Amino acid sequence: MSRIYPGMERHFASWKNGGGETAEILCHPEGAGFDDFDWRISTAKVCQSGPFSVFPGIDRVLTVIEGGAMRLRFETGERITCHPDGVPHAFSGEVPCVAELLDEALLDLNLMVRAPLKGAVYQGGDEVAVEGLLAAYLFALKDHCALGLKRHDLQELLLRKTIVPEGTLVLTVRCQL
């Protein structure tokens, strides 16, 4: 049986800048801190516009899962608009970034992976291949009785080819190929 990380058991902690809250879902290896994790999955409540923390050597994938939209403005000039029902957005945690809320507060799902590993988030209907796969997790966007999951539960997946069920996301960590 694969491990389930229940959404109902998450505890949110306020950000230092007061602009939101984060709840860590898992960190690998277990007990690792921000300076030595290989990968980390969390959800964040973004309540106001402001800067993102900079994470040298970390690649991020952010997916807005509820609420309003936000625009990410990077020091490089790149801009990304993130909204519910949108696609996951991958970016370097090394590049300074400011988030601008475009309407109401939101909840996002974050996958952070330390180089040389690579992270990705797949949406319903996508095929997830097994090549180079180190870890895979299914995140329920809504209650999924058939899967035995409640809204926002995260479940470890077996490392095999998968078609992502509708109403879920699959987060993966791979060796760089």
C-alpha atoms as a PDB file:
ATOM      1  CA  MET A   1       0.000   0.000   0.000  1.00  0.00           C
ATOM      2  CA  SER A   2       1.423   3.402  -0.923  1.00  0.00           C
ATOM      3  CA  ARG A   3       1.555   6.187   1.620  1.00  0.00           C
ATOM      4  CA  ILE A   4      -1.148   8.876   1.688  1.00  0.00           C
ATOM      5  CA  TYR A   5      -0.456  12.387   3.003  1.00  0.00           C
ATOM      6  CA  PRO A   6      -3.947  13.613   4.036  1.00  0.00           C
ATOM      7  CA  GLY A   7      -4.828  17.184   3.132  1.00  0.00           C
ATOM      8  CA  MET A   8      -6.925  17.539   6.289  1.00  0.00           C
ATOM      9  CA  GLU A   9      -3.836  17.047   8.470  1.00  0.00           C
ATOM     10  CA  ARG A  10      -1.777  19.926   7.026  1.00  0.00           C
ATOM     11  CA  HIS A  11      -0.757  22.820   9.215  1.00  0.00           C
ATOM     12  CA  PHE A  12      -0.025  26.170   7.604  1.00  0.00           C
ATOM     13  CA  ALA A  13       2.766  28.454   8.860  1.00  0.00           C
ATOM     14  CA  SER A  14       2.874  32.191   8.118  1.00  0.00           C
ATOM     15  CA  TRP A  15       5.528  33.601   5.820  1.00  0.00           C
ATOM     16  CA  LYS A  16       8.058  36.026   7.255  1.00  0.00           C
ATOM     17  CA  ASN A  17       6.716  38.795   4.977  1.00  0.00           C
ATOM     18  CA  GLY A  18       3.101  38.153   6.069  1.00  0.00           C
ATOM     19  CA  GLY A  19       1.901  37.698   2.477  1.00  0.00           C
ATOM     20  CA  GLY A  20       0.696  34.143   2.886  1.00  0.00           C
ATOM     21  CA  GLU A  21       1.129  30.748   4.504  1.00  0.00           C
ATOM     22  CA  THR A  22       2.753  27.450   3.523  1.00  0.00           C
ATOM     23  CA  ALA A  23       2.045  23.860   4.524  1.00  0.00           C
ATOM     24  CA  GLU A  24       4.783  21.339   3.788  1.00  0.00           C
ATOM     25  CA  ILE A  25       3.353  18.052   2.532  1.00  0.00           C
ATOM     26  CA  LEU A  26       6.608  16.147   2.285  1.00  0.00           C
ATOM     27  CA  CYS A  27      10.323  16.663   2.135  1.00  0.00           C
ATOM     28  CA  HIS A  28      12.869  14.132   0.870  1.00  0.00           C
ATOM     29  CA  PRO A  29      14.906  13.007   2.615  1.00  0.00           C
ATOM     30  CA  GLU A  30      12.542  13.199   5.561  1.00  0.00           C
ATOM     31  CA  GLY A  31      13.669  15.801   8.081  1.00  0.00           C
ATOM     32  CA  ALA A  32      15.830  17.715   5.592  1.00  0.00           C
ATOM     33  CA  GLY A  33      15.855  21.518   5.768  1.00  0.00           C
ATOM     34  CA  PHE A  34      15.809  24.148   3.024  1.00  0.00           C
ATOM     35  CA  ASP A  35      19.552  23.778   2.496  1.00  0.00           C
ATOM     36  CA  ASP A  36      19.678  20.017   1.997  1.00  0.00           C
ATOM     37  CA  PHE A  37      16.376  18.623   0.654  1.00  0.00           C
ATOM     38  CA  ASP A  38      16.372  16.742  -2.651  1.00  0.00           C
ATOM     39  CA  TRP A  39      12.699  17.529  -3.294  1.00  0.00           C
ATOM     40  CA  ARG A  40       9.880  19.188  -1.412  1.00  0.00           C
ATOM     41  CA  ILE A  41       6.119  19.360  -2.020  1.00  0.00           C
ATOM     42  CA  SER A  42       3.960  22.002  -0.355  1.00  0.00           C
ATOM     43  CA  THR A  43       0.822  24.067  -0.721  1.00  0.00           C
ATOM     44  CA  ALA A  44       0.760  27.818  -0.208  1.00  0.00           C
ATOM     45  CA  LYS A  45      -1.983  30.332   0.451  1.00  0.00           C
ATOM     46  CA  VAL A  46      -1.012  33.545  -1.340  1.00  0.00           C
ATOM     47  CA  CYS A  47      -2.939  36.442   0.214  1.00  0.00           C
ATOM     48  CA  GLN A  48      -1.142  39.502  -1.164  1.00  0.00           C
ATOM     49  CA  SER A  49       1.360  40.549  -3.790  1.00  0.00           C
ATOM     50  CA  GLY A  50       5.048  40.366  -2.904  1.00  0.00           C
ATOM     51  CA  PRO A  51       8.436  38.757  -3.580  1.00  0.00           C
ATOM     52  CA  PHE A  52       9.038  35.012  -3.699  1.00  0.00           C
ATOM     53  CA  SER A  53      11.886  33.570  -1.671  1.00  0.00           C
ATOM     54  CA  VAL A  54      15.018  32.840  -3.725  1.00  0.00           C
ATOM     55  CA  PHE A  55      16.240  29.216  -3.695  1.00  0.00           C
ATOM     56  CA  PRO A  56      19.683  28.791  -5.325  1.00  0.00           C
ATOM     57  CA  GLY A  57      20.085  25.423  -7.089  1.00  0.00           C
ATOM     58  CA  ILE A  58      16.342  24.693  -6.938  1.00  0.00           C
ATOM     59  CA  ASP A  59      13.913  24.281  -9.843  1.00  0.00           C
ATOM     60  CA  ARG A  60      10.262  24.939  -9.055  1.00  0.00           C
ATOM     61  CA  VAL A  61       6.935  23.914 -10.558  1.00  0.00           C
ATOM     62  CA  LEU A  62       3.960  25.971  -9.374  1.00  0.00           C
ATOM     63  CA  THR A  63       0.307  25.147 -10.077  1.00  0.00           C
ATOM     64  CA  VAL A  64      -2.577  27.350  -8.893  1.00  0.00           C
ATOM     65  CA  ILE A  65      -5.246  24.935  -7.659  1.00  0.00           C
ATOM     66  CA  GLU A  66      -7.898  27.270  -6.158  1.00  0.00           C
ATOM     67  CA  GLY A  67      -8.897  30.905  -5.922  1.00  0.00           C
ATOM     68  CA  GLY A  68      -7.684  33.779  -8.037  1.00  0.00           C
ATOM     69  CA  ALA A  69      -4.870  34.360 -10.485  1.00  0.00           C
ATOM     70  CA  MET A  70      -1.401  35.853 -10.108  1.00  0.00           C
ATOM     71  CA  ARG A  71       1.315  37.111 -12.381  1.00  0.00           C
ATOM     72  CA  LEU A  72       4.926  36.156 -11.689  1.00  0.00           C
ATOM     73  CA  ARG A  73       7.417  38.832 -12.772  1.00  0.00           C
ATOM     74  CA  PHE A  74      11.033  37.675 -12.946  1.00  0.00           C
ATOM     75  CA  GLU A  75      14.180  39.808 -12.756  1.00  0.00           C
ATOM     76  CA  THR A  76      14.983  38.536 -16.274  1.00  0.00           C
ATOM     77  CA  GLY A  77      11.859  40.302 -17.633  1.00  0.00           C
ATOM     78  CA  GLU A  78       9.895  37.074 -18.089  1.00  0.00           C
ATOM     79  CA  ARG A  79       6.252  37.141 -16.952  1.00  0.00           C
ATOM     80  CA  ILE A  80       4.000  34.166 -16.270  1.00  0.00           C
ATOM     81  CA  THR A  81       0.273  34.344 -15.484  1.00  0.00           C
ATOM     82  CA  CYS A  82      -0.924  31.516 -13.238  1.00  0.00           C
ATOM     83  CA  HIS A  83      -4.597  30.745 -12.663  1.00  0.00           C
ATOM     84  CA  PRO A  84      -6.832  27.876 -11.530  1.00  0.00           C
ATOM     85  CA  ASP A  85      -7.446  25.383 -14.334  1.00  0.00           C
ATOM     86  CA  GLY A  86      -4.206  26.618 -15.926  1.00  0.00           C
ATOM     87  CA  VAL A  87      -1.068  24.667 -16.641  1.00  0.00           C
ATOM     88  CA  PRO A  88       1.762  24.025 -14.164  1.00  0.00           C
ATOM     89  CA  HIS A  89       4.606  26.547 -14.515  1.00  0.00           C
ATOM     90  CA  ALA A  90       8.269  25.531 -14.188  1.00  0.00           C
ATOM     91  CA  PHE A  91      10.922  28.126 -13.332  1.00  0.00           C
ATOM     92  CA  SER A  92      14.280  28.525 -11.630  1.00  0.00           C
ATOM     93  CA  GLY A  93      14.172  29.253  -7.910  1.00  0.00           C
ATOM     94  CA  GLU A  94      17.434  31.184  -8.344  1.00  0.00           C
ATOM     95  CA  VAL A  95      15.884  34.061 -10.286  1.00  0.00           C
ATOM     96  CA  PRO A  96      14.287  36.769  -8.117  1.00  0.00           C
ATOM     97  CA  CYS A  97      10.536  36.871  -8.693  1.00  0.00           C
ATOM     98  CA  VAL A  98       7.623  39.035  -7.541  1.00  0.00           C
ATOM     99  CA  ALA A  99       4.062  37.688  -7.428  1.00  0.00           C
ATOM    100  CA  GLU A 100       1.248  40.092  -8.245  1.00  0.00           C
ATOM    101  CA  LEU A 101      -2.257  38.973  -7.259  1.00  0.00           C
ATOM    102  CA  LEU A 102      -4.685  39.772 -10.059  1.00  0.00           C
ATOM    103  CA  ASP A 103      -7.823  39.236  -7.965  1.00  0.00           C
ATOM    104  CA  GLU A 104      -8.643  37.154  -4.858  1.00  0.00           C
ATOM    105  CA  ALA A 105      -6.230  35.121  -2.713  1.00  0.00           C
ATOM    106  CA  LEU A 106      -5.252  31.706  -4.047  1.00  0.00           C
ATOM    107  CA  LEU A 107      -3.922  28.292  -3.110  1.00  0.00           C
ATOM    108  CA  ASP A 108      -1.041  26.820  -5.085  1.00  0.00           C
ATOM    109  CA  LEU A 109       0.818  23.521  -5.172  1.00  0.00           C
ATOM    110  CA  ASN A 110       4.614  23.684  -5.256  1.00  0.00           C
ATOM    111  CA  LEU A 111       7.173  21.094  -6.291  1.00  0.00           C
ATOM    112  CA  MET A 112      10.764  22.123  -5.548  1.00  0.00           C
ATOM    113  CA  VAL A 113      13.634  19.938  -6.796  1.00  0.00           C
ATOM    114  CA  ARG A 114      17.373  20.342  -6.265  1.00  0.00           C
ATOM    115  CA  ALA A 115      19.627  20.038  -9.336  1.00  0.00           C
ATOM    116  CA  PRO A 116      20.640  17.754 -10.937  1.00  0.00           C
ATOM    117  CA  LEU A 117      17.169  16.223 -10.375  1.00  0.00           C
ATOM    118  CA  LYS A 118      14.226  17.371 -12.513  1.00  0.00           C
ATOM    119  CA  GLY A 119      10.621  17.899 -11.399  1.00  0.00           C
ATOM    120  CA  ALA A 120       7.440  17.996 -13.455  1.00  0.00           C
ATOM    121  CA  VAL A 121       3.692  18.187 -12.859  1.00  0.00           C
ATOM    122  CA  TYR A 122       1.270  16.382 -15.184  1.00  0.00           C
ATOM    123  CA  GLN A 123      -2.453  17.070 -15.564  1.00  0.00           C
ATOM    124  CA  GLY A 124      -5.470  14.801 -16.149  1.00  0.00           C
ATOM    125  CA  GLY A 125      -5.123  12.754 -19.343  1.00  0.00           C
ATOM    126  CA  ASP A 126      -1.332  13.188 -19.582  1.00  0.00           C
ATOM    127  CA  GLU A 127       0.875  10.105 -19.865  1.00  0.00           C
ATOM    128  CA  VAL A 128       3.734   9.792 -17.382  1.00  0.00           C
ATOM    129  CA  ALA A 129       6.647   7.673 -18.613  1.00  0.00           C
ATOM    130  CA  VAL A 130       8.867   5.679 -16.262  1.00  0.00           C
ATOM    131  CA  GLU A 131      12.338   6.483 -17.717  1.00  0.00           C
ATOM    132  CA  GLY A 132      14.565   8.030 -15.044  1.00  0.00           C
ATOM    133  CA  LEU A 133      11.684   8.222 -12.555  1.00  0.00           C
ATOM    134  CA  LEU A 134      12.762   8.364  -8.891  1.00  0.00           C
ATOM    135  CA  ALA A 135       9.428   9.318  -7.311  1.00  0.00           C
ATOM    136  CA  ALA A 136       5.840  10.031  -8.337  1.00  0.00           C
ATOM    137  CA  TYR A 137       2.921  11.400  -6.333  1.00  0.00           C
ATOM    138  CA  LEU A 138      -0.765  11.824  -7.152  1.00  0.00           C
ATOM    139  CA  PHE A 139      -2.487  14.981  -5.831  1.00  0.00           C
ATOM    140  CA  ALA A 140      -6.306  14.935  -5.652  1.00  0.00           C
ATOM    141  CA  LEU A 141      -7.843  18.237  -6.760  1.00  0.00           C
ATOM    142  CA  LYS A 142     -11.246  16.982  -5.533  1.00  0.00           C
ATOM    143  CA  ASP A 143     -12.632  13.990  -3.622  1.00  0.00           C
ATOM    144  CA  HIS A 144     -11.863  10.787  -5.548  1.00  0.00           C
ATOM    145  CA  CYS A 145     -13.894   7.934  -4.051  1.00  0.00           C
ATOM    146  CA  ALA A 146     -12.623   5.460  -6.669  1.00  0.00           C
ATOM    147  CA  LEU A 147      -9.049   6.207  -5.596  1.00  0.00           C
ATOM    148  CA  GLY A 148      -9.858   6.407  -1.887  1.00  0.00           C
ATOM    149  CA  LEU A 149      -8.638  10.012  -1.741  1.00  0.00           C
ATOM    150  CA  LYS A 150     -10.126  13.188  -0.342  1.00  0.00           C
ATOM    151  CA  ARG A 151      -9.606  16.663  -1.817  1.00  0.00           C
ATOM    152  CA  HIS A 152      -5.939  17.722  -1.532  1.00  0.00           C
ATOM    153  CA  ASP A 153      -4.658  14.311  -0.407  1.00  0.00           C
ATOM    154  CA  LEU A 154      -1.270  13.336  -1.836  1.00  0.00           C
ATOM    155  CA  GLN A 155      -0.455   9.669  -2.513  1.00  0.00           C
ATOM    156  CA  GLU A 156       2.853   8.034  -3.414  1.00  0.00           C
ATOM    157  CA  LEU A 157       2.594   6.157  -6.702  1.00  0.00           C
ATOM    158  CA  LEU A 158       4.302   3.030  -7.902  1.00  0.00           C
ATOM    159  CA  LEU A 159       7.031   3.820 -10.402  1.00  0.00           C
ATOM    160  CA  ARG A 160       5.337   2.749 -13.614  1.00  0.00           C
ATOM    161  CA  LYS A 161       3.825   4.236 -16.749  1.00  0.00           C
ATOM    162  CA  THR A 162       0.668   6.109 -15.725  1.00  0.00           C
ATOM    163  CA  ILE A 163      -2.185   8.015 -17.344  1.00  0.00           C
ATOM    164  CA  VAL A 164      -3.120  10.859 -14.982  1.00  0.00           C
ATOM    165  CA  PRO A 165      -6.768  10.543 -13.839  1.00  0.00           C
ATOM    166  CA  GLU A 166      -9.008  13.578 -14.437  1.00  0.00           C
ATOM    167  CA  GLY A 167      -9.280  15.786 -11.368  1.00  0.00           C
ATOM    168  CA  THR A 168      -5.738  14.970 -10.240  1.00  0.00           C
ATOM    169  CA  LEU A 169      -2.161  16.034 -10.809  1.00  0.00           C
ATOM    170  CA  VAL A 170       0.908  13.780 -10.845  1.00  0.00           C
ATOM    171  CA  LEU A 171       4.165  15.231  -9.533  1.00  0.00           C
ATOM    172  CA  THR A 172       7.370  13.506 -10.609  1.00  0.00           C
ATOM    173  CA  VAL A 173      11.033  13.617  -9.722  1.00  0.00           C
ATOM    174  CA  ARG A 174      13.542  12.243 -12.242  1.00  0.00           C
ATOM    175  CA  CYS A 175      17.242  11.864 -12.815  1.00  0.00           C
ATOM    176  CA  GLN A 176      18.262  14.204 -15.616  1.00  0.00           C
ATOM    177  CA  LEU A 177      18.475  12.179 -18.815  1.00  0.00           C
END
